[in-house]
Amino acid sequence: MPRPRRESLPGTPFPVVGLIRAARRRADLSQRELAKGAGLHASTVGRIEAGELWPSLVAFAKLMGAAAHYLTVVDDDGHVLMPMMDRPDLRDGAERRYPSHLDLVLDPRPGEWWADQYGLARPPETFLRDRAHRDAQRRRSQWEVRVKKYRNDPEPPEVYY
């Protein structure tokens, strides 16, 4: 597991004020113009830039968007984290979302659903609960898709259901 960066440690102040000021100056906007573009009051922008007011994430995103800058989340390697999309057709029988930490399996094959051993009807979707099995599948998939990256690594074992 990667070590958290200093900027993301609890208790470390995030440089909101500096980011807003830098974005506003780069966009060559006054505080009033930035506030108007973000739909906020000009005094609110002034208080934020003075460090008297801490903006919410929504207000921060509006301010950055008004200056033509956008928020994104990246990992330590600089890869952008894409948000998970919520599909309303992928819910369980009680209309609940599947757990986001589990990998969803659409149209499971025989043996991919835990209740296959009991002869129950297979649902249109399920998820993998066994972490070791999921991790082995991911390693295999990564090796198959990114052969150039894993060129010198031995082939991972086949994953059986």
N, C-alpha and C. Protein backbone atom coordinates (compact mmCIF):
# COMPACT_ATOMS: atom_id res chain seq x y z
N MET A 1 0.85 -1.18 0.00
CA MET A 1 0.00 0.00 0.00
C MET A 1 0.89 1.24 0.00
N PRO A 2 0.65 2.20 -0.90
CA PRO A 2 1.50 3.37 -0.96
C PRO A 2 1.34 4.25 0.27
N ARG A 3 2.43 4.90 0.64
CA ARG A 3 2.41 5.82 1.76
C ARG A 3 1.67 7.09 1.35
N PRO A 4 0.80 7.65 2.23
CA PRO A 4 0.10 8.87 1.85
C PRO A 4 1.07 10.03 1.71
N ARG A 5 0.79 10.89 0.76
CA ARG A 5 1.63 12.07 0.55
C ARG A 5 1.37 13.08 1.65
N ARG A 6 2.32 13.97 1.87
CA ARG A 6 2.20 14.97 2.92
C ARG A 6 0.95 15.82 2.76
N GLU A 7 0.57 16.13 1.49
CA GLU A 7 -0.58 16.98 1.24
C GLU A 7 -1.89 16.33 1.66
N SER A 8 -1.92 15.00 1.76
CA SER A 8 -3.16 14.31 2.06
C SER A 8 -3.24 13.81 3.50
N LEU A 9 -2.23 14.12 4.30
CA LEU A 9 -2.24 13.67 5.69
C LEU A 9 -3.25 14.47 6.50
N PRO A 10 -3.92 13.82 7.47
CA PRO A 10 -4.87 14.54 8.32
C PRO A 10 -4.15 15.65 9.08
N GLY A 11 -4.80 16.79 9.20
CA GLY A 11 -4.22 17.91 9.93
C GLY A 11 -3.37 18.82 9.06
N THR A 12 -3.04 18.40 7.84
CA THR A 12 -2.26 19.24 6.94
C THR A 12 -3.24 20.12 6.17
N PRO A 13 -3.09 21.44 6.25
CA PRO A 13 -4.05 22.31 5.54
C PRO A 13 -3.90 22.20 4.03
N PHE A 14 -5.04 22.10 3.37
CA PHE A 14 -5.05 22.05 1.91
C PHE A 14 -4.93 23.49 1.40
N PRO A 15 -4.13 23.76 0.39
CA PRO A 15 -3.88 25.15 -0.04
C PRO A 15 -5.01 25.75 -0.87
N VAL A 16 -6.21 25.78 -0.32
CA VAL A 16 -7.39 26.29 -1.03
C VAL A 16 -7.19 27.75 -1.43
N VAL A 17 -6.75 28.56 -0.48
CA VAL A 17 -6.60 29.99 -0.75
C VAL A 17 -5.62 30.23 -1.89
N GLY A 18 -4.48 29.58 -1.83
CA GLY A 18 -3.47 29.75 -2.87
C GLY A 18 -3.94 29.27 -4.22
N LEU A 19 -4.69 28.16 -4.25
CA LEU A 19 -5.20 27.64 -5.52
C LEU A 19 -6.23 28.59 -6.14
N ILE A 20 -7.11 29.13 -5.32
CA ILE A 20 -8.13 30.05 -5.84
C ILE A 20 -7.47 31.33 -6.35
N ARG A 21 -6.54 31.85 -5.58
CA ARG A 21 -5.86 33.08 -6.02
C ARG A 21 -5.08 32.85 -7.30
N ALA A 22 -4.37 31.72 -7.38
CA ALA A 22 -3.58 31.42 -8.59
C ALA A 22 -4.48 31.23 -9.80
N ALA A 23 -5.60 30.54 -9.64
CA ALA A 23 -6.52 30.31 -10.75
C ALA A 23 -7.14 31.63 -11.20
N ARG A 24 -7.51 32.48 -10.24
CA ARG A 24 -8.12 33.77 -10.59
C ARG A 24 -7.12 34.64 -11.34
N ARG A 25 -5.89 34.66 -10.88
CA ARG A 25 -4.88 35.48 -11.55
C ARG A 25 -4.53 34.94 -12.93
N ARG A 26 -4.45 33.62 -13.04
CA ARG A 26 -4.15 33.03 -14.35
C ARG A 26 -5.28 33.31 -15.35
N ALA A 27 -6.52 33.34 -14.86
CA ALA A 27 -7.66 33.63 -15.72
C ALA A 27 -7.84 35.14 -15.92
N ASP A 28 -7.03 35.95 -15.24
CA ASP A 28 -7.07 37.41 -15.33
C ASP A 28 -8.47 37.94 -14.99
N LEU A 29 -8.96 37.50 -13.82
CA LEU A 29 -10.28 37.92 -13.34
C LEU A 29 -10.15 38.69 -12.04
N SER A 30 -11.04 39.64 -11.83
CA SER A 30 -11.11 40.31 -10.54
C SER A 30 -11.90 39.40 -9.60
N GLN A 31 -11.89 39.75 -8.31
CA GLN A 31 -12.69 38.97 -7.37
C GLN A 31 -14.17 39.05 -7.72
N ARG A 32 -14.62 40.20 -8.14
CA ARG A 32 -16.03 40.36 -8.52
C ARG A 32 -16.38 39.51 -9.74
N GLU A 33 -15.50 39.48 -10.73
CA GLU A 33 -15.76 38.69 -11.94
C GLU A 33 -15.76 37.19 -11.61
N LEU A 34 -14.84 36.78 -10.75
CA LEU A 34 -14.79 35.37 -10.34
C LEU A 34 -16.06 35.00 -9.58
N ALA A 35 -16.47 35.89 -8.65
CA ALA A 35 -17.67 35.64 -7.86
C ALA A 35 -18.91 35.55 -8.75
N LYS A 36 -19.00 36.44 -9.73
CA LYS A 36 -20.15 36.42 -10.63
C LYS A 36 -20.18 35.13 -11.44
N GLY A 37 -19.02 34.69 -11.95
CA GLY A 37 -18.96 33.45 -12.71
C GLY A 37 -19.29 32.23 -11.89
N ALA A 38 -18.97 32.28 -10.59
CA ALA A 38 -19.24 31.14 -9.71
C ALA A 38 -20.61 31.21 -9.06
N GLY A 39 -21.31 32.33 -9.22
CA GLY A 39 -22.62 32.48 -8.59
C GLY A 39 -22.52 32.73 -7.10
N LEU A 40 -21.44 33.37 -6.66
CA LEU A 40 -21.25 33.70 -5.24
C LEU A 40 -21.17 35.21 -5.09
N HIS A 41 -21.25 35.66 -3.85
CA HIS A 41 -21.13 37.09 -3.57
C HIS A 41 -19.65 37.46 -3.58
N ALA A 42 -19.35 38.67 -4.04
CA ALA A 42 -17.96 39.12 -4.14
C ALA A 42 -17.27 39.14 -2.77
N SER A 43 -18.01 39.49 -1.73
CA SER A 43 -17.40 39.51 -0.40
C SER A 43 -17.03 38.10 0.07
N THR A 44 -17.77 37.11 -0.39
CA THR A 44 -17.44 35.72 -0.05
C THR A 44 -16.10 35.33 -0.65
N VAL A 45 -15.87 35.71 -1.89
CA VAL A 45 -14.59 35.42 -2.53
C VAL A 45 -13.46 36.15 -1.81
N GLY A 46 -13.71 37.40 -1.42
CA GLY A 46 -12.71 38.16 -0.68
C GLY A 46 -12.37 37.52 0.65
N ARG A 47 -13.38 37.04 1.35
CA ARG A 47 -13.15 36.38 2.65
C ARG A 47 -12.41 35.07 2.48
N ILE A 48 -12.73 34.34 1.41
CA ILE A 48 -12.03 33.08 1.14
C ILE A 48 -10.55 33.35 0.85
N GLU A 49 -10.29 34.33 -0.03
CA GLU A 49 -8.91 34.65 -0.38
C GLU A 49 -8.13 35.22 0.79
N ALA A 50 -8.81 35.85 1.74
CA ALA A 50 -8.14 36.38 2.93
C ALA A 50 -7.92 35.29 3.97
N GLY A 51 -8.48 34.11 3.75
CA GLY A 51 -8.32 33.01 4.70
C GLY A 51 -9.29 33.07 5.85
N GLU A 52 -10.30 33.92 5.78
CA GLU A 52 -11.29 34.04 6.86
C GLU A 52 -12.41 33.02 6.74
N LEU A 53 -12.60 32.49 5.53
CA LEU A 53 -13.70 31.57 5.26
C LEU A 53 -13.17 30.37 4.49
N TRP A 54 -13.57 29.19 4.91
CA TRP A 54 -13.17 27.96 4.24
C TRP A 54 -14.31 27.52 3.34
N PRO A 55 -14.10 27.48 2.01
CA PRO A 55 -15.22 27.13 1.12
C PRO A 55 -15.56 25.65 1.18
N SER A 56 -16.82 25.35 0.91
CA SER A 56 -17.22 23.95 0.78
C SER A 56 -16.62 23.40 -0.52
N LEU A 57 -16.68 22.12 -0.70
CA LEU A 57 -16.16 21.52 -1.93
C LEU A 57 -16.94 22.01 -3.14
N VAL A 58 -18.24 22.18 -2.99
CA VAL A 58 -19.07 22.67 -4.08
C VAL A 58 -18.68 24.10 -4.45
N ALA A 59 -18.49 24.97 -3.44
CA ALA A 59 -18.09 26.35 -3.71
C ALA A 59 -16.70 26.39 -4.32
N PHE A 60 -15.80 25.55 -3.83
CA PHE A 60 -14.44 25.49 -4.38
C PHE A 60 -14.48 25.09 -5.85
N ALA A 61 -15.28 24.08 -6.17
CA ALA A 61 -15.39 23.63 -7.56
C ALA A 61 -16.00 24.72 -8.44
N LYS A 62 -16.99 25.45 -7.92
CA LYS A 62 -17.59 26.55 -8.68
C LYS A 62 -16.57 27.65 -8.97
N LEU A 63 -15.79 28.00 -7.94
CA LEU A 63 -14.77 29.04 -8.11
C LEU A 63 -13.71 28.63 -9.12
N MET A 64 -13.25 27.39 -9.01
CA MET A 64 -12.24 26.91 -9.95
C MET A 64 -12.81 26.82 -11.36
N GLY A 65 -14.06 26.39 -11.49
CA GLY A 65 -14.70 26.29 -12.79
C GLY A 65 -14.90 27.66 -13.43
N ALA A 66 -15.21 28.67 -12.61
CA ALA A 66 -15.38 30.02 -13.13
C ALA A 66 -14.06 30.57 -13.67
N ALA A 67 -12.95 30.05 -13.18
CA ALA A 67 -11.63 30.46 -13.66
C ALA A 67 -11.09 29.48 -14.70
N ALA A 68 -11.95 28.61 -15.22
CA ALA A 68 -11.59 27.61 -16.24
C ALA A 68 -10.55 26.61 -15.75
N HIS A 69 -10.68 26.21 -14.48
CA HIS A 69 -9.85 25.15 -13.91
C HIS A 69 -10.81 24.13 -13.29
N TYR A 70 -10.43 22.87 -13.32
CA TYR A 70 -11.35 21.82 -12.89
C TYR A 70 -10.66 20.87 -11.92
N LEU A 71 -11.45 20.31 -11.02
CA LEU A 71 -10.94 19.42 -10.00
C LEU A 71 -10.81 18.01 -10.55
N THR A 72 -9.78 17.33 -10.11
CA THR A 72 -9.60 15.92 -10.47
C THR A 72 -8.85 15.25 -9.33
N VAL A 73 -8.91 13.94 -9.28
CA VAL A 73 -8.22 13.16 -8.26
C VAL A 73 -7.20 12.28 -8.98
N VAL A 74 -5.96 12.32 -8.50
CA VAL A 74 -4.90 11.51 -9.10
C VAL A 74 -4.22 10.69 -8.02
N ASP A 75 -3.62 9.56 -8.43
CA ASP A 75 -2.86 8.76 -7.48
C ASP A 75 -1.41 9.24 -7.46
N ASP A 76 -0.56 8.54 -6.72
CA ASP A 76 0.84 8.95 -6.59
C ASP A 76 1.59 8.90 -7.91
N ASP A 77 1.11 8.09 -8.85
CA ASP A 77 1.77 7.99 -10.16
C ASP A 77 1.22 9.01 -11.16
N GLY A 78 0.24 9.81 -10.75
CA GLY A 78 -0.33 10.82 -11.63
C GLY A 78 -1.47 10.32 -12.49
N HIS A 79 -1.96 9.11 -12.25
CA HIS A 79 -3.09 8.58 -13.02
C HIS A 79 -4.39 9.15 -12.47
N VAL A 80 -5.27 9.61 -13.36
CA VAL A 80 -6.54 10.19 -12.96
C VAL A 80 -7.51 9.09 -12.52
N LEU A 81 -8.14 9.32 -11.38
CA LEU A 81 -9.14 8.38 -10.87
C LEU A 81 -10.49 8.77 -11.45
N MET A 82 -11.08 7.86 -12.19
CA MET A 82 -12.39 8.10 -12.80
C MET A 82 -13.48 7.67 -11.82
N PRO A 83 -14.55 8.44 -11.71
CA PRO A 83 -15.61 8.07 -10.76
C PRO A 83 -16.38 6.85 -11.24
N MET A 84 -16.90 6.11 -10.27
CA MET A 84 -17.74 4.97 -10.60
C MET A 84 -19.10 5.50 -11.04
N MET A 85 -19.60 4.95 -12.11
CA MET A 85 -20.90 5.37 -12.62
C MET A 85 -21.98 4.53 -11.95
N ASP A 86 -23.06 5.17 -11.56
CA ASP A 86 -24.17 4.47 -10.93
C ASP A 86 -25.21 4.16 -11.99
N ARG A 87 -25.41 2.88 -12.23
CA ARG A 87 -26.41 2.46 -13.21
C ARG A 87 -27.64 1.96 -12.47
N PRO A 88 -28.79 2.56 -12.72
CA PRO A 88 -29.98 2.15 -11.98
C PRO A 88 -30.43 0.73 -12.29
N ASP A 89 -30.01 0.18 -13.43
CA ASP A 89 -30.43 -1.18 -13.75
C ASP A 89 -29.57 -2.23 -13.05
N LEU A 90 -28.53 -1.80 -12.34
CA LEU A 90 -27.68 -2.75 -11.62
C LEU A 90 -27.90 -2.62 -10.13
N ARG A 91 -29.02 -3.11 -9.70
CA ARG A 91 -29.39 -3.11 -8.28
C ARG A 91 -29.84 -4.52 -7.91
N ASP A 92 -29.78 -4.83 -6.63
CA ASP A 92 -30.22 -6.15 -6.22
C ASP A 92 -31.74 -6.17 -6.12
N GLY A 93 -32.30 -7.27 -5.66
CA GLY A 93 -33.75 -7.43 -5.63
C GLY A 93 -34.46 -6.43 -4.73
N ALA A 94 -33.76 -5.83 -3.76
CA ALA A 94 -34.37 -4.84 -2.87
C ALA A 94 -34.02 -3.42 -3.30
N GLU A 95 -33.57 -3.25 -4.56
CA GLU A 95 -33.22 -1.95 -5.12
C GLU A 95 -32.04 -1.29 -4.42
N ARG A 96 -31.15 -2.10 -3.82
CA ARG A 96 -29.94 -1.56 -3.20
C ARG A 96 -28.79 -1.64 -4.18
N ARG A 97 -27.83 -0.73 -4.05
CA ARG A 97 -26.62 -0.81 -4.85
C ARG A 97 -25.78 -1.98 -4.36
N TYR A 98 -25.03 -2.56 -5.26
CA TYR A 98 -24.07 -3.57 -4.83
C TYR A 98 -22.92 -2.87 -4.12
N PRO A 99 -22.25 -3.54 -3.21
CA PRO A 99 -21.14 -2.90 -2.51
C PRO A 99 -20.07 -2.43 -3.50
N SER A 100 -19.61 -1.19 -3.35
CA SER A 100 -18.68 -0.61 -4.31
C SER A 100 -17.29 -1.23 -4.23
N HIS A 101 -16.97 -1.89 -3.12
CA HIS A 101 -15.64 -2.50 -3.02
C HIS A 101 -15.59 -3.89 -3.66
N LEU A 102 -16.72 -4.38 -4.12
CA LEU A 102 -16.75 -5.69 -4.76
C LEU A 102 -16.91 -5.54 -6.27
N ASP A 103 -16.33 -6.46 -7.01
CA ASP A 103 -16.41 -6.43 -8.47
C ASP A 103 -17.72 -7.05 -8.93
N LEU A 104 -18.45 -6.29 -9.72
CA LEU A 104 -19.74 -6.75 -10.23
C LEU A 104 -19.53 -7.70 -11.40
N VAL A 105 -20.27 -8.78 -11.43
CA VAL A 105 -20.21 -9.76 -12.50
C VAL A 105 -21.56 -9.75 -13.21
N LEU A 106 -21.56 -9.28 -14.45
CA LEU A 106 -22.80 -9.26 -15.23
C LEU A 106 -22.98 -10.60 -15.92
N ASP A 107 -24.18 -11.11 -15.91
CA ASP A 107 -24.52 -12.38 -16.54
C ASP A 107 -23.55 -13.49 -16.12
N PRO A 108 -23.59 -13.87 -14.83
CA PRO A 108 -22.63 -14.84 -14.32
C PRO A 108 -22.74 -16.21 -14.99
N ARG A 109 -21.59 -16.82 -15.18
CA ARG A 109 -21.53 -18.17 -15.74
C ARG A 109 -21.71 -19.18 -14.61
N PRO A 110 -21.96 -20.43 -14.95
CA PRO A 110 -22.11 -21.45 -13.90
C PRO A 110 -20.88 -21.48 -13.00
N GLY A 111 -21.12 -21.42 -11.70
CA GLY A 111 -20.04 -21.44 -10.72
C GLY A 111 -19.62 -20.07 -10.24
N GLU A 112 -20.06 -19.01 -10.89
CA GLU A 112 -19.68 -17.66 -10.46
C GLU A 112 -20.60 -17.11 -9.37
N TRP A 113 -21.73 -17.74 -9.16
CA TRP A 113 -22.64 -17.26 -8.12
C TRP A 113 -22.58 -18.22 -6.94
N TRP A 114 -22.57 -17.68 -5.75
CA TRP A 114 -22.39 -18.48 -4.55
C TRP A 114 -23.49 -19.52 -4.36
N ALA A 115 -24.70 -19.27 -4.87
CA ALA A 115 -25.81 -20.20 -4.64
C ALA A 115 -25.95 -21.26 -5.71
N ASP A 116 -25.02 -21.28 -6.68
CA ASP A 116 -25.07 -22.34 -7.69
C ASP A 116 -24.99 -23.72 -7.05
N GLN A 117 -24.25 -23.81 -5.97
CA GLN A 117 -24.08 -25.12 -5.30
C GLN A 117 -25.38 -25.62 -4.69
N TYR A 118 -26.35 -24.71 -4.48
CA TYR A 118 -27.63 -25.11 -3.92
C TYR A 118 -28.71 -25.29 -4.99
N GLY A 119 -28.36 -25.04 -6.25
CA GLY A 119 -29.32 -25.21 -7.33
C GLY A 119 -30.33 -24.10 -7.46
N LEU A 120 -30.03 -22.94 -6.90
CA LEU A 120 -30.96 -21.81 -7.00
C LEU A 120 -30.83 -21.14 -8.36
N ALA A 121 -31.86 -20.42 -8.78
CA ALA A 121 -31.84 -19.72 -10.06
C ALA A 121 -30.78 -18.63 -10.03
N ARG A 122 -29.99 -18.54 -11.08
CA ARG A 122 -28.89 -17.58 -11.17
C ARG A 122 -29.44 -16.19 -11.49
N PRO A 123 -29.02 -15.13 -10.75
CA PRO A 123 -29.49 -13.77 -11.02
C PRO A 123 -28.78 -13.19 -12.24
N PRO A 124 -29.27 -12.06 -12.78
CA PRO A 124 -28.62 -11.44 -13.94
C PRO A 124 -27.28 -10.81 -13.60
N GLU A 125 -27.01 -10.55 -12.32
CA GLU A 125 -25.73 -10.02 -11.91
C GLU A 125 -25.43 -10.46 -10.49
N THR A 126 -24.16 -10.48 -10.14
CA THR A 126 -23.73 -10.83 -8.80
C THR A 126 -22.37 -10.18 -8.58
N PHE A 127 -21.72 -10.49 -7.50
CA PHE A 127 -20.38 -9.96 -7.26
C PHE A 127 -19.53 -11.03 -6.62
N LEU A 128 -18.22 -10.84 -6.73
CA LEU A 128 -17.28 -11.81 -6.17
C LEU A 128 -16.95 -11.42 -4.74
N ARG A 129 -17.15 -12.35 -3.82
CA ARG A 129 -16.91 -12.06 -2.41
C ARG A 129 -15.51 -12.47 -1.96
N ASP A 130 -14.92 -13.46 -2.60
CA ASP A 130 -13.62 -13.98 -2.18
C ASP A 130 -12.51 -13.04 -2.65
N ARG A 131 -11.88 -12.33 -1.71
CA ARG A 131 -10.86 -11.34 -2.04
C ARG A 131 -9.67 -11.99 -2.75
N ALA A 132 -9.21 -13.11 -2.31
CA ALA A 132 -8.07 -13.76 -2.95
C ALA A 132 -8.39 -14.10 -4.40
N HIS A 133 -9.60 -14.60 -4.63
CA HIS A 133 -10.02 -14.93 -5.99
C HIS A 133 -10.10 -13.68 -6.86
N ARG A 134 -10.68 -12.59 -6.30
CA ARG A 134 -10.77 -11.33 -7.04
C ARG A 134 -9.39 -10.79 -7.38
N ASP A 135 -8.47 -10.83 -6.41
CA ASP A 135 -7.12 -10.33 -6.65
C ASP A 135 -6.39 -11.15 -7.70
N ALA A 136 -6.60 -12.47 -7.68
CA ALA A 136 -5.97 -13.32 -8.69
C ALA A 136 -6.53 -13.00 -10.08
N GLN A 137 -7.84 -12.75 -10.17
CA GLN A 137 -8.44 -12.38 -11.45
C GLN A 137 -7.88 -11.05 -11.95
N ARG A 138 -7.72 -10.09 -11.05
CA ARG A 138 -7.18 -8.79 -11.44
C ARG A 138 -5.75 -8.92 -11.95
N ARG A 139 -4.92 -9.69 -11.22
CA ARG A 139 -3.53 -9.89 -11.66
C ARG A 139 -3.49 -10.52 -13.04
N ARG A 140 -4.33 -11.52 -13.26
CA ARG A 140 -4.37 -12.20 -14.55
C ARG A 140 -4.81 -11.22 -15.65
N SER A 141 -5.84 -10.44 -15.37
CA SER A 141 -6.36 -9.49 -16.35
C SER A 141 -5.32 -8.42 -16.66
N GLN A 142 -4.65 -7.90 -15.63
CA GLN A 142 -3.62 -6.89 -15.86
C GLN A 142 -2.48 -7.47 -16.69
N TRP A 143 -2.11 -8.70 -16.41
CA TRP A 143 -1.02 -9.32 -17.16
C TRP A 143 -1.41 -9.49 -18.62
N GLU A 144 -2.66 -9.88 -18.88
CA GLU A 144 -3.10 -10.09 -20.25
C GLU A 144 -3.22 -8.77 -21.02
N VAL A 145 -3.71 -7.72 -20.37
CA VAL A 145 -3.94 -6.46 -21.05
C VAL A 145 -2.66 -5.64 -21.19
N ARG A 146 -1.82 -5.67 -20.18
CA ARG A 146 -0.62 -4.84 -20.18
C ARG A 146 0.63 -5.71 -20.27
N VAL A 147 0.71 -6.49 -21.32
CA VAL A 147 1.83 -7.42 -21.48
C VAL A 147 3.15 -6.66 -21.52
N LYS A 148 3.19 -5.50 -22.14
CA LYS A 148 4.43 -4.75 -22.23
C LYS A 148 4.96 -4.39 -20.84
N LYS A 149 4.08 -3.99 -19.94
CA LYS A 149 4.48 -3.63 -18.58
C LYS A 149 4.99 -4.85 -17.82
N TYR A 150 4.37 -6.01 -18.04
CA TYR A 150 4.72 -7.22 -17.31
C TYR A 150 5.50 -8.20 -18.19
N ARG A 151 6.23 -7.68 -19.16
CA ARG A 151 6.91 -8.52 -20.15
C ARG A 151 7.84 -9.56 -19.49
N ASN A 152 8.57 -9.16 -18.47
CA ASN A 152 9.54 -10.06 -17.84
C ASN A 152 8.99 -10.82 -16.65
N ASP A 153 7.73 -10.57 -16.30
CA ASP A 153 7.11 -11.29 -15.18
C ASP A 153 6.59 -12.63 -15.66
N PRO A 154 6.63 -13.63 -14.79
CA PRO A 154 6.06 -14.93 -15.19
C PRO A 154 4.54 -14.81 -15.31
N GLU A 155 3.97 -15.65 -16.14
CA GLU A 155 2.53 -15.64 -16.34
C GLU A 155 1.83 -16.02 -15.05
N PRO A 156 0.81 -15.25 -14.63
CA PRO A 156 0.09 -15.61 -13.40
C PRO A 156 -0.73 -16.87 -13.63
N PRO A 157 -1.07 -17.56 -12.56
CA PRO A 157 -1.85 -18.80 -12.73
C PRO A 157 -3.24 -18.52 -13.27
N GLU A 158 -3.78 -19.51 -13.97
CA GLU A 158 -5.14 -19.41 -14.49
C GLU A 158 -6.11 -19.31 -13.31
N VAL A 159 -7.19 -18.57 -13.49
CA VAL A 159 -8.20 -18.41 -12.46
C VAL A 159 -9.38 -19.29 -12.84
N TYR A 160 -9.71 -20.20 -11.96
CA TYR A 160 -10.84 -21.12 -12.20
C TYR A 160 -11.96 -20.78 -11.25
N TYR A 161 -13.17 -21.02 -11.67
CA TYR A 161 -14.35 -20.72 -10.85
C TYR A 161 -14.78 -21.91 -10.07
